[in-house]
Protein backbone atom coordinates (compact mmCIF):
# COMPACT_ATOMS: atom_id res chain seq x y z
CA MET A 1 12.57 33.36 -32.99
CA THR A 2 8.78 33.10 -33.05
CA ASP A 3 8.93 32.97 -36.85
CA ALA A 4 11.16 29.89 -36.67
CA VAL A 5 8.85 28.21 -34.15
CA ALA A 6 5.78 28.85 -36.28
CA ARG A 7 7.57 27.75 -39.43
CA TYR A 8 8.82 24.38 -38.13
CA ALA A 9 5.96 23.47 -35.74
CA PRO A 10 4.09 21.30 -38.26
CA ALA A 11 7.22 19.26 -39.03
CA ARG A 12 8.26 18.74 -35.40
CA PRO A 13 7.84 15.08 -34.30
CA GLN A 14 5.37 14.24 -31.54
CA LEU A 15 6.60 13.19 -28.11
CA ASP A 16 6.36 9.56 -27.14
CA THR A 17 3.95 8.53 -24.37
CA ILE A 18 6.55 8.39 -21.60
CA SER A 19 7.89 11.86 -22.43
CA ARG A 20 4.39 13.32 -22.63
CA LEU A 21 3.50 11.85 -19.24
CA ALA A 22 6.75 13.17 -17.74
CA LEU A 23 5.82 16.68 -18.83
CA THR A 24 2.33 16.49 -17.35
CA GLU A 25 2.93 14.43 -14.21
CA GLY A 26 6.49 15.39 -13.29
CA PRO A 27 9.28 13.05 -12.21
CA PRO A 28 8.41 9.74 -10.52
CA ALA A 29 8.60 9.49 -6.75
CA PRO A 30 11.94 8.16 -5.45
CA GLN A 31 11.98 4.44 -4.70
CA PRO A 32 13.36 3.04 -1.42
CA PRO A 33 16.73 1.28 -1.68
CA ALA A 34 16.59 -2.40 -2.60
CA GLU A 35 19.37 -3.37 -0.19
CA PRO A 36 18.46 -4.47 3.33
CA SER A 37 19.18 -2.01 6.09
CA PRO A 38 22.23 -2.49 8.34
CA ASP A 39 19.84 -3.49 11.15
CA HIS A 40 18.84 -6.51 9.07
CA TYR A 41 22.34 -7.95 9.39
CA ALA A 42 22.52 -7.37 13.14
CA ALA A 43 19.29 -9.19 13.94
CA ALA A 44 19.87 -12.25 16.04
CA PRO A 45 18.31 -15.57 15.02
CA ASP A 46 15.11 -16.49 16.86
CA ASP A 47 16.87 -19.24 18.81
CA ALA A 48 19.82 -17.06 19.87
CA GLU A 49 20.37 -16.40 23.53
CA PRO A 50 19.85 -12.85 24.77
CA PRO A 51 22.99 -10.77 25.22
CA GLY A 52 24.86 -11.19 28.45
CA ASP A 53 25.08 -8.62 31.22
CA GLY A 54 28.34 -7.11 30.03
CA ALA A 55 29.33 -3.53 30.63
CA ALA A 56 26.20 -1.51 29.75
CA GLY A 57 24.52 -4.72 28.44
CA GLN A 58 26.09 -4.47 24.97
CA GLN A 59 26.80 -7.40 22.69
CA ASP A 60 30.30 -8.38 21.65
CA PRO A 61 31.17 -6.51 18.39
CA ASP A 62 33.04 -9.57 17.13
CA ALA A 63 29.91 -11.72 17.53
CA ILE A 64 27.85 -9.05 15.73
CA LEU A 65 30.39 -9.00 12.90
CA ARG A 66 30.30 -12.79 12.51
CA ARG A 67 26.50 -12.81 12.58
CA ALA A 68 26.34 -10.03 9.96
CA LEU A 69 28.75 -11.94 7.71
CA SER A 70 26.75 -15.13 8.02
CA ALA A 71 23.50 -13.28 7.19
CA ALA A 72 25.06 -11.54 4.18
CA PRO A 73 23.75 -12.39 0.71
CA ASP A 74 25.96 -14.09 -1.90
CA GLU A 75 27.22 -10.72 -3.15
CA GLY A 76 28.35 -9.84 0.38
CA ILE A 77 27.65 -7.01 2.79
CA PRO A 78 29.30 -3.60 2.37
CA VAL A 79 31.98 -2.67 4.89
CA SER A 80 30.05 0.52 5.67
CA ASP A 81 27.15 -1.63 6.94
CA LEU A 82 29.55 -3.73 9.02
CA ILE A 83 30.91 -0.55 10.61
CA THR A 84 27.36 0.58 11.39
CA VAL A 85 26.12 -2.67 12.93
CA THR A 86 29.22 -3.29 15.04
CA GLY A 87 29.60 0.30 16.17
CA MET A 88 33.34 -0.07 15.71
CA SER A 89 35.82 1.93 13.67
CA ARG A 90 36.64 1.27 10.04
CA ARG A 91 40.14 0.25 11.06
CA TRP A 92 38.84 -2.31 13.58
CA VAL A 93 36.40 -3.81 11.07
CA PHE A 94 39.09 -4.23 8.39
CA TYR A 95 41.52 -5.68 10.95
CA ARG A 96 38.94 -8.27 12.06
CA LEU A 97 37.97 -9.06 8.44
CA ARG A 98 41.62 -9.76 7.60
CA GLN A 99 41.89 -12.03 10.65
CA LEU A 100 38.66 -13.85 9.80
CA ALA A 101 39.79 -14.26 6.18
CA ALA A 102 43.13 -15.69 7.32
CA ASP A 103 41.23 -18.16 9.53
CA GLY A 104 39.07 -19.18 6.58
CA TYR A 105 35.86 -17.75 8.02
CA ALA A 106 35.34 -14.63 5.84
CA ALA A 107 35.78 -13.99 2.13
CA GLN A 108 35.76 -10.80 0.12
CA THR A 109 33.30 -11.08 -2.79
CA VAL A 110 34.07 -7.79 -4.54
CA ARG A 111 35.90 -4.71 -3.36
CA GLY A 112 34.31 -3.53 -0.12
CA HIS A 113 31.85 -6.45 0.25
CA TRP A 114 32.33 -9.45 2.55
CA ARG A 115 30.50 -12.63 3.56
CA THR A 116 31.30 -15.90 5.27
CA ALA A 117 33.56 -18.24 3.32
CA ARG A 118 31.51 -21.05 1.85
C-alpha cells in the first residue's frame, strides 16, 4: 500500500481552500435555528390587557392560539409550536384550527403550518 501512495502522490490533485480549512479547523460550530421560538408567538402585544384572574391566573388557550396565528409569518406557524404555546393537546389544537378555518379566521399554508386567513 505504501508503494501505491508514494507512486501516485505527485499526481494527486491539491485540496481546495474550503477542504483544507475543514481538515485543519474542524467542522463549523452549529448555528441557532432561524425560526422564532414558540414563546415569540405567545407574546402579547404591548397594548394588551394583562390576563384575568382565572383559575391559577392562566390565559385562555383559545386566545393564545388566535394571537399565535395572527403573529405567524406568511409561511405560517408549525402545529408543534401551537401545541407548545397553548399547552393543549395535539387533538385540541387541530380541532380548534378546523373550527377557525370553517369560520374563515385561520388558513393552512402548507401541511402542518397555519396562520390567520388574509
